Amino acid sequence: MPRLTEYEDDVYAITKAYFIRGTLLDRTFFKLAVGFTSVEELSERLRSTRYAQSLGNERISRAKDLEKILMGSLMDLHYRLMRLYSGDGVLTALFERYTSWDVKAVLRGKAVGQTYEQILDGLYMRAEELLGRRDLVIRAAAAKDLGGAVMGLSGTEYYDVAQEGLKIYESTGDPASFDIVVDRFTIGGIARIAIRGGEDEDTYVGRLVLSMVDEYNLGLALRYASIGLPATQASQLLITEGNLYLSPDPLRRLMSEGAPPASYADMLRRTPYGAYLKGDDANAVISSVISFRLHTADGAWAAAAMEPPVLAALVFLVENEVRNLSAIAFGIENRVPKDDIYALLRFPE
């Protein structure tokens, strides 16, 4: 599509966001979908939705294949909005998360001894295709071993991060070490761009993006021990810039005390996340931040109508929809009871 003027393209992007938002699946669909008996049935039902073009005419019977197609449709949408809208570095930074997901998958796969074919099966690759960066992950995935995969990232922004992850992995033996360092690099970078753009807790984009920092820090604080990290080392991996409601120092204190998840839940009750807290366990604590973000994304449409925040809001809402559909697909494939599948789904409250 040829560019007209920046203003006209911006209006088109926002108008397109409103159109897509109107096609989001409602809870009635999800209540029906958890009762489907096969991934093929789910994919066939999705052919009557906006996912029809992405699904094409092929028979889809494997959950991973459906997930990759749905994630690809999210990335296509995000890329179109990013290319149309002239003024938002946050949209571009958020798009870079998709590449980081594949980088993590390659490093984890190499750590557990997966073959090249097994690793490729787990990659989305659509973001890299759109950016012309397929070689970034292919070179690492084709390496003989983990050390070679890290070297395969040399010359990219992920090389130093992968080296750091390798050092942590060698001391802990847990492949999640790579998730921590790559997420810290990616989310920290998104937060810095948002802050430079004037986003904070008083803006919708600020609340959407900076809540990711709080989610990362909470996840690290709650799970560092299971990975095998000492509290002192884990506390150094906290993101210290762009925190929304959770300052690093109280988290460090709880980490040094080896505090249980209930202590973190008590901390959240004194923040806006507390309104979404449904328990004292680790999953409930993390879920409260995600629910807050979904609520924020949903609210942007009324409070920031026809303004740029709806673009970031749409990305988060569509990503959540794709994750819900993927959870249903994997649940069906593994014969999980439908009520248990539905309990895993997240919706704006």
Protein backbone atom coordinates (compact mmCIF):
# COMPACT_ATOMS: atom_id res chain seq x y z
CA MET A 1 0.00 0.00 0.00
CA PRO A 2 1.57 3.36 -1.02
CA ARG A 3 2.00 5.97 1.69
CA LEU A 4 -0.23 9.04 1.44
CA THR A 5 0.71 11.41 4.23
CA GLU A 6 1.84 10.49 7.71
CA TYR A 7 -1.40 11.87 9.11
CA GLU A 8 -3.56 9.89 6.66
CA ASP A 9 -1.61 6.70 7.31
CA ASP A 10 -1.88 7.23 11.06
CA VAL A 11 -5.65 7.65 10.84
CA TYR A 12 -5.85 4.56 8.64
CA ALA A 13 -3.83 2.54 11.16
CA ILE A 14 -6.06 3.60 14.04
CA THR A 15 -9.23 2.97 12.02
CA LYS A 16 -7.92 -0.48 11.09
CA ALA A 17 -7.27 -1.15 14.78
CA TYR A 18 -10.91 -0.38 15.53
CA PHE A 19 -12.03 -2.74 12.79
CA ILE A 20 -9.86 -5.59 14.09
CA ARG A 21 -11.02 -4.98 17.63
CA GLY A 22 -14.58 -5.50 16.43
CA THR A 23 -13.61 -8.96 15.13
CA LEU A 24 -12.16 -10.23 18.43
CA LEU A 25 -13.79 -13.46 19.54
CA ASP A 26 -16.20 -13.25 22.45
CA ARG A 27 -16.40 -15.50 25.49
CA THR A 28 -19.25 -17.46 23.94
CA PHE A 29 -16.88 -18.74 21.27
CA PHE A 30 -14.31 -19.80 23.86
CA LYS A 31 -16.91 -21.56 26.01
CA LEU A 32 -17.92 -23.51 22.92
CA ALA A 33 -14.35 -24.11 21.74
CA VAL A 34 -13.15 -25.87 24.90
CA GLY A 35 -15.71 -28.56 24.13
CA PHE A 36 -14.37 -29.32 20.65
CA THR A 37 -13.05 -32.85 20.28
CA SER A 38 -10.07 -32.20 18.00
CA VAL A 39 -7.65 -29.52 16.89
CA GLU A 40 -9.01 -29.98 13.39
CA GLU A 41 -12.51 -29.07 14.58
CA LEU A 42 -11.16 -25.94 16.27
CA SER A 43 -9.27 -24.88 13.16
CA GLU A 44 -12.34 -25.48 10.99
CA ARG A 45 -14.48 -23.27 13.25
CA LEU A 46 -11.82 -20.56 13.05
CA ARG A 47 -12.18 -20.50 9.26
CA SER A 48 -15.35 -18.46 9.75
CA THR A 49 -13.41 -15.77 11.64
CA ARG A 50 -10.79 -13.23 10.60
CA TYR A 51 -8.20 -16.04 10.84
CA ALA A 52 -9.58 -17.65 7.66
CA GLN A 53 -6.96 -16.19 5.32
CA SER A 54 -4.10 -17.24 7.60
CA LEU A 55 -5.47 -20.78 7.95
CA GLY A 56 -5.84 -21.29 4.21
CA ASN A 57 -7.25 -24.60 2.98
CA GLU A 58 -4.84 -27.01 4.61
CA ARG A 59 -6.00 -29.59 7.13
CA ILE A 60 -4.64 -28.64 10.55
CA SER A 61 -4.68 -31.40 13.13
CA ARG A 62 -1.70 -30.57 15.35
CA ALA A 63 -1.83 -27.94 18.11
CA LYS A 64 1.67 -26.64 17.40
CA ASP A 65 0.84 -26.08 13.73
CA LEU A 66 -2.29 -24.12 14.64
CA GLU A 67 -0.41 -22.07 17.22
CA LYS A 68 2.26 -21.12 14.68
CA ILE A 69 -0.35 -20.00 12.16
CA LEU A 70 -2.21 -17.92 14.74
CA MET A 71 0.99 -16.35 16.04
CA GLY A 72 1.95 -15.58 12.45
CA SER A 73 -1.34 -13.75 11.95
CA LEU A 74 -0.62 -11.66 15.07
CA MET A 75 2.82 -10.75 13.74
CA ASP A 76 1.42 -9.87 10.31
CA LEU A 77 -1.14 -7.54 11.90
CA HIS A 78 1.44 -5.95 14.19
CA TYR A 79 3.82 -5.43 11.28
CA ARG A 80 1.15 -3.70 9.18
CA LEU A 81 0.26 -1.34 12.02
CA MET A 82 3.92 -0.66 12.72
CA ARG A 83 4.61 0.21 9.08
CA LEU A 84 1.57 2.45 8.78
CA TYR A 85 1.88 4.43 11.98
CA SER A 86 4.57 7.10 11.81
CA GLY A 87 5.33 8.04 15.37
CA ASP A 88 5.49 5.15 17.81
CA GLY A 89 8.81 3.55 18.66
CA VAL A 90 6.99 1.43 21.23
CA LEU A 91 5.17 -0.51 18.50
CA THR A 92 8.50 -1.33 16.86
CA ALA A 93 10.06 -2.32 20.18
CA LEU A 94 7.11 -4.57 20.98
CA PHE A 95 7.48 -6.25 17.59
CA GLU A 96 11.06 -7.20 18.45
CA ARG A 97 9.74 -9.45 21.24
CA TYR A 98 8.72 -11.98 18.62
CA THR A 99 12.30 -12.50 17.48
CA SER A 100 13.37 -12.82 21.11
CA TRP A 101 10.86 -15.66 21.57
CA ASP A 102 12.60 -17.62 18.82
CA VAL A 103 16.06 -16.82 20.17
CA LYS A 104 15.01 -18.23 23.54
CA ALA A 105 13.57 -21.34 21.90
CA VAL A 106 16.82 -22.00 20.02
CA LEU A 107 18.99 -21.63 23.12
CA ARG A 108 16.67 -23.75 25.28
CA GLY A 109 16.50 -26.38 22.56
CA LYS A 110 20.26 -26.60 22.24
CA ALA A 111 20.58 -26.79 26.02
CA VAL A 112 18.36 -29.89 26.20
CA GLY A 113 19.89 -31.56 23.14
CA GLN A 114 17.14 -31.02 20.57
CA THR A 115 17.96 -31.65 16.93
CA TYR A 116 17.88 -28.94 14.29
CA GLU A 117 14.52 -30.23 13.04
CA GLN A 118 13.03 -30.30 16.55
CA ILE A 119 14.15 -26.74 17.19
CA LEU A 120 12.76 -25.47 13.89
CA ASP A 121 9.42 -27.09 14.68
CA GLY A 122 9.18 -24.91 17.78
CA LEU A 123 9.99 -21.60 16.09
CA TYR A 124 7.48 -19.07 14.79
CA MET A 125 9.89 -17.38 12.32
CA ARG A 126 7.27 -15.02 10.91
CA ALA A 127 8.76 -11.89 12.46
CA GLU A 128 12.19 -12.77 11.11
CA GLU A 129 10.71 -13.32 7.64
CA LEU A 130 9.00 -9.93 7.71
CA LEU A 131 12.21 -8.21 8.84
CA GLY A 132 14.47 -10.19 6.50
CA ARG A 133 16.34 -11.72 9.46
CA ARG A 134 15.78 -15.46 9.10
CA ASP A 135 19.52 -16.09 9.26
CA LEU A 136 19.60 -14.71 12.81
CA VAL A 137 17.97 -17.80 14.29
CA ILE A 138 18.70 -20.34 11.52
CA ARG A 139 22.44 -19.96 11.99
CA ALA A 140 22.14 -20.52 15.74
CA ALA A 141 19.72 -23.44 15.32
CA ALA A 142 22.04 -25.16 12.84
CA ALA A 143 25.00 -25.09 15.24
CA LYS A 144 26.34 -28.40 16.52
CA ASP A 145 25.93 -27.58 20.19
CA LEU A 146 24.90 -24.88 22.65
CA GLY A 147 28.23 -23.08 22.52
CA GLY A 148 28.00 -23.01 18.75
CA ALA A 149 24.46 -21.62 18.95
CA VAL A 150 25.67 -18.79 21.14
CA MET A 151 28.49 -18.10 18.67
CA GLY A 152 25.91 -18.22 15.88
CA LEU A 153 24.36 -15.10 17.36
CA SER A 154 27.61 -13.13 17.09
CA GLY A 155 27.16 -9.88 15.24
CA THR A 156 23.58 -9.54 16.51
CA GLU A 157 22.08 -7.70 19.46
CA TYR A 158 21.55 -11.06 21.19
CA TYR A 159 25.17 -12.20 21.31
CA ASP A 160 26.21 -10.61 24.61
CA VAL A 161 22.89 -11.62 26.15
CA ALA A 162 23.34 -15.23 25.04
CA GLN A 163 26.86 -15.27 26.48
CA GLU A 164 25.50 -14.06 29.80
CA GLY A 165 22.80 -16.71 29.69
CA LEU A 166 25.38 -19.40 28.94
CA LYS A 167 27.37 -18.47 32.04
CA ILE A 168 24.26 -18.66 34.21
CA TYR A 169 23.20 -21.93 32.58
CA GLU A 170 26.60 -23.46 33.25
CA SER A 171 26.19 -22.69 36.96
CA THR A 172 22.52 -23.66 37.30
CA GLY A 173 21.97 -26.32 34.64
CA ASP A 174 18.50 -24.88 33.99
CA PRO A 175 17.61 -23.83 30.40
CA ALA A 176 15.28 -21.19 31.88
CA SER A 177 18.47 -19.19 32.45
CA PHE A 178 18.23 -18.09 28.82
CA ASP A 179 14.62 -16.97 29.25
CA ILE A 180 15.65 -14.71 32.10
CA VAL A 181 18.47 -12.88 30.35
CA VAL A 182 16.72 -12.54 26.98
CA ASP A 183 13.51 -11.28 28.60
CA ARG A 184 15.50 -8.84 30.72
CA PHE A 185 17.21 -7.49 27.62
CA THR A 186 14.03 -7.27 25.54
CA ILE A 187 11.59 -5.93 28.14
CA GLY A 188 14.15 -3.53 29.56
CA GLY A 189 14.71 -2.15 26.06
CA ILE A 190 10.98 -1.68 25.45
CA ALA A 191 10.64 0.12 28.79
CA ARG A 192 13.49 2.52 28.00
CA ILE A 193 11.90 3.45 24.68
CA ALA A 194 8.55 4.03 26.37
CA ILE A 195 10.11 6.25 29.03
CA ARG A 196 11.98 8.30 26.43
CA GLY A 197 8.64 8.80 24.71
CA GLY A 198 7.13 10.26 27.87
CA GLU A 199 5.08 7.20 28.83
CA ASP A 200 4.45 6.54 32.53
CA GLU A 201 1.76 5.31 34.92
CA ASP A 202 -0.54 8.13 33.82
CA THR A 203 -0.67 6.99 30.18
CA TYR A 204 -2.23 3.90 28.68
CA VAL A 205 0.88 2.91 26.77
CA GLY A 206 2.94 3.44 29.92
CA ARG A 207 0.72 1.14 31.96
CA LEU A 208 0.69 -1.48 29.21
CA VAL A 209 4.43 -1.56 28.67
CA LEU A 210 5.78 -0.86 32.16
CA SER A 211 3.57 -3.55 33.69
CA MET A 212 5.73 -5.95 31.66
CA VAL A 213 8.70 -4.85 33.77
CA ASP A 214 6.79 -5.61 36.97
CA GLU A 215 5.72 -8.99 35.55
CA TYR A 216 9.30 -9.91 34.67
CA ASN A 217 10.64 -8.85 38.07
CA LEU A 218 7.92 -10.73 39.92
CA GLY A 219 8.52 -13.84 37.86
CA LEU A 220 12.23 -13.70 38.63
CA ALA A 221 11.65 -13.07 42.34
CA LEU A 222 9.21 -15.97 42.64
CA ARG A 223 11.17 -18.54 40.64
CA TYR A 224 14.88 -17.81 41.00
CA ALA A 225 15.33 -20.51 43.65
CA SER A 226 13.79 -23.23 41.48
CA ILE A 227 16.24 -22.33 38.72
CA GLY A 228 19.16 -22.63 41.10
CA LEU A 229 20.13 -18.96 41.28
CA PRO A 230 21.39 -17.49 44.57
CA ALA A 231 19.23 -14.59 45.77
CA THR A 232 22.11 -12.13 45.45
CA GLN A 233 22.74 -13.06 41.82
CA ALA A 234 19.04 -13.09 40.96
CA SER A 235 18.52 -9.63 42.47
CA GLN A 236 21.14 -8.27 40.07
CA LEU A 237 18.99 -9.48 37.18
CA LEU A 238 16.00 -7.35 38.18
CA ILE A 239 15.06 -4.57 35.74
CA THR A 240 15.58 -1.34 37.66
CA GLU A 241 14.29 1.18 35.12
CA GLY A 242 10.67 1.53 34.11
CA ASN A 243 9.03 -0.17 37.07
CA LEU A 244 5.33 0.65 37.21
CA TYR A 245 4.10 -0.11 40.73
CA LEU A 246 6.78 -2.44 42.13
CA SER A 247 10.11 -0.90 43.10
CA PRO A 248 13.16 -3.19 42.99
CA ASP A 249 14.23 -2.64 46.61
CA PRO A 250 11.18 -4.27 48.27
CA LEU A 251 11.54 -7.18 45.85
CA ARG A 252 15.21 -7.56 46.75
CA ARG A 253 14.31 -7.61 50.43
CA LEU A 254 11.76 -10.39 49.95
CA MET A 255 14.20 -12.32 47.79
CA SER A 256 16.94 -12.08 50.41
CA GLU A 257 14.48 -13.37 53.01
CA GLY A 258 13.39 -16.28 50.83
CA ALA A 259 9.82 -15.03 51.25
CA PRO A 260 6.91 -17.23 50.07
CA PRO A 261 4.52 -16.17 47.28
CA ALA A 262 2.00 -14.99 49.89
CA SER A 263 4.39 -12.20 50.87
CA TYR A 264 4.48 -10.98 47.29
CA ALA A 265 0.70 -11.19 47.18
CA ASP A 266 0.54 -8.93 50.24
CA MET A 267 2.77 -6.44 48.43
CA LEU A 268 0.50 -6.48 45.39
CA ARG A 269 -2.58 -5.79 47.48
CA ARG A 270 -1.16 -2.33 48.12
CA THR A 271 -0.99 -1.62 44.38
CA PRO A 272 -3.54 -1.48 41.52
CA TYR A 273 -2.64 -5.12 40.79
CA GLY A 274 -4.40 -6.12 44.00
CA ALA A 275 -7.82 -5.69 42.38
CA TYR A 276 -7.00 -8.63 40.09
CA LEU A 277 -5.37 -10.92 42.66
CA LYS A 278 -7.23 -14.22 43.08
CA GLY A 279 -4.92 -16.16 45.36
CA ASP A 280 -1.61 -16.24 47.19
CA ASP A 281 0.30 -18.71 44.99
CA ALA A 282 2.94 -17.76 42.42
CA ASN A 283 0.65 -18.19 39.41
CA ALA A 284 -2.03 -15.98 40.98
CA VAL A 285 0.54 -13.27 41.68
CA ILE A 286 1.79 -13.22 38.07
CA SER A 287 -1.73 -13.50 36.67
CA SER A 288 -2.82 -10.38 38.55
CA VAL A 289 -0.32 -8.29 36.57
CA ILE A 290 -1.41 -9.84 33.27
CA SER A 291 -5.08 -9.23 34.13
CA PHE A 292 -4.29 -5.61 34.97
CA ARG A 293 -2.64 -5.21 31.57
CA LEU A 294 -5.59 -6.75 29.74
CA HIS A 295 -7.99 -4.49 31.62
CA THR A 296 -5.83 -1.50 30.67
CA ALA A 297 -5.76 -2.58 27.01
CA ASP A 298 -9.53 -2.98 26.98
CA GLY A 299 -10.09 0.38 28.65
CA ALA A 300 -7.96 2.30 26.17
CA TRP A 301 -10.69 2.11 23.53
CA ALA A 302 -13.13 4.20 25.54
CA ALA A 303 -10.71 6.60 27.23
CA ALA A 304 -8.30 7.15 24.32
CA ALA A 305 -10.64 6.85 21.34
CA MET A 306 -8.99 7.41 17.95
CA GLU A 307 -5.63 8.01 19.64
CA PRO A 308 -2.34 6.08 19.25
CA PRO A 309 -2.66 4.05 22.50
CA VAL A 310 -5.28 1.85 20.84
CA LEU A 311 -2.59 0.44 18.54
CA ALA A 312 -0.54 -0.96 21.42
CA ALA A 313 -3.76 -1.99 23.15
CA LEU A 314 -4.83 -3.98 20.09
CA VAL A 315 -1.51 -5.83 19.97
CA PHE A 316 -1.92 -7.00 23.56
CA LEU A 317 -5.58 -7.99 23.08
CA VAL A 318 -4.91 -9.98 19.90
CA GLU A 319 -1.88 -11.64 21.49
CA ASN A 320 -4.06 -12.69 24.42
CA GLU A 321 -6.69 -14.08 22.04
CA VAL A 322 -4.04 -16.10 20.20
CA ARG A 323 -2.68 -17.44 23.49
CA ASN A 324 -6.19 -18.45 24.55
CA LEU A 325 -6.81 -20.26 21.28
CA SER A 326 -3.43 -21.99 21.51
CA ALA A 327 -4.15 -23.08 25.08
CA ILE A 328 -7.41 -24.63 23.88
CA ALA A 329 -5.63 -26.42 21.02
CA PHE A 330 -2.98 -27.93 23.30
CA GLY A 331 -5.62 -28.79 25.89
CA ILE A 332 -7.73 -30.64 23.33
CA GLU A 333 -4.67 -32.43 21.97
CA ASN A 334 -3.72 -33.62 25.45
CA ARG A 335 -7.30 -34.53 26.41
CA VAL A 336 -7.51 -32.03 29.25
CA PRO A 337 -11.06 -31.68 30.66
CA LYS A 338 -12.83 -28.70 29.14
CA ASP A 339 -13.42 -26.96 32.48
CA ASP A 340 -9.70 -27.16 33.21
CA ILE A 341 -8.88 -25.71 29.79
CA TYR A 342 -11.31 -22.83 30.28
CA ALA A 343 -9.75 -22.06 33.66
CA LEU A 344 -6.45 -21.37 31.87
CA LEU A 345 -7.92 -18.69 29.61
CA ARG A 346 -7.57 -14.98 30.35
CA PHE A 347 -10.04 -12.24 29.48
CA PRO A 348 -10.20 -8.50 30.20
CA GLU A 349 -12.18 -7.93 33.39
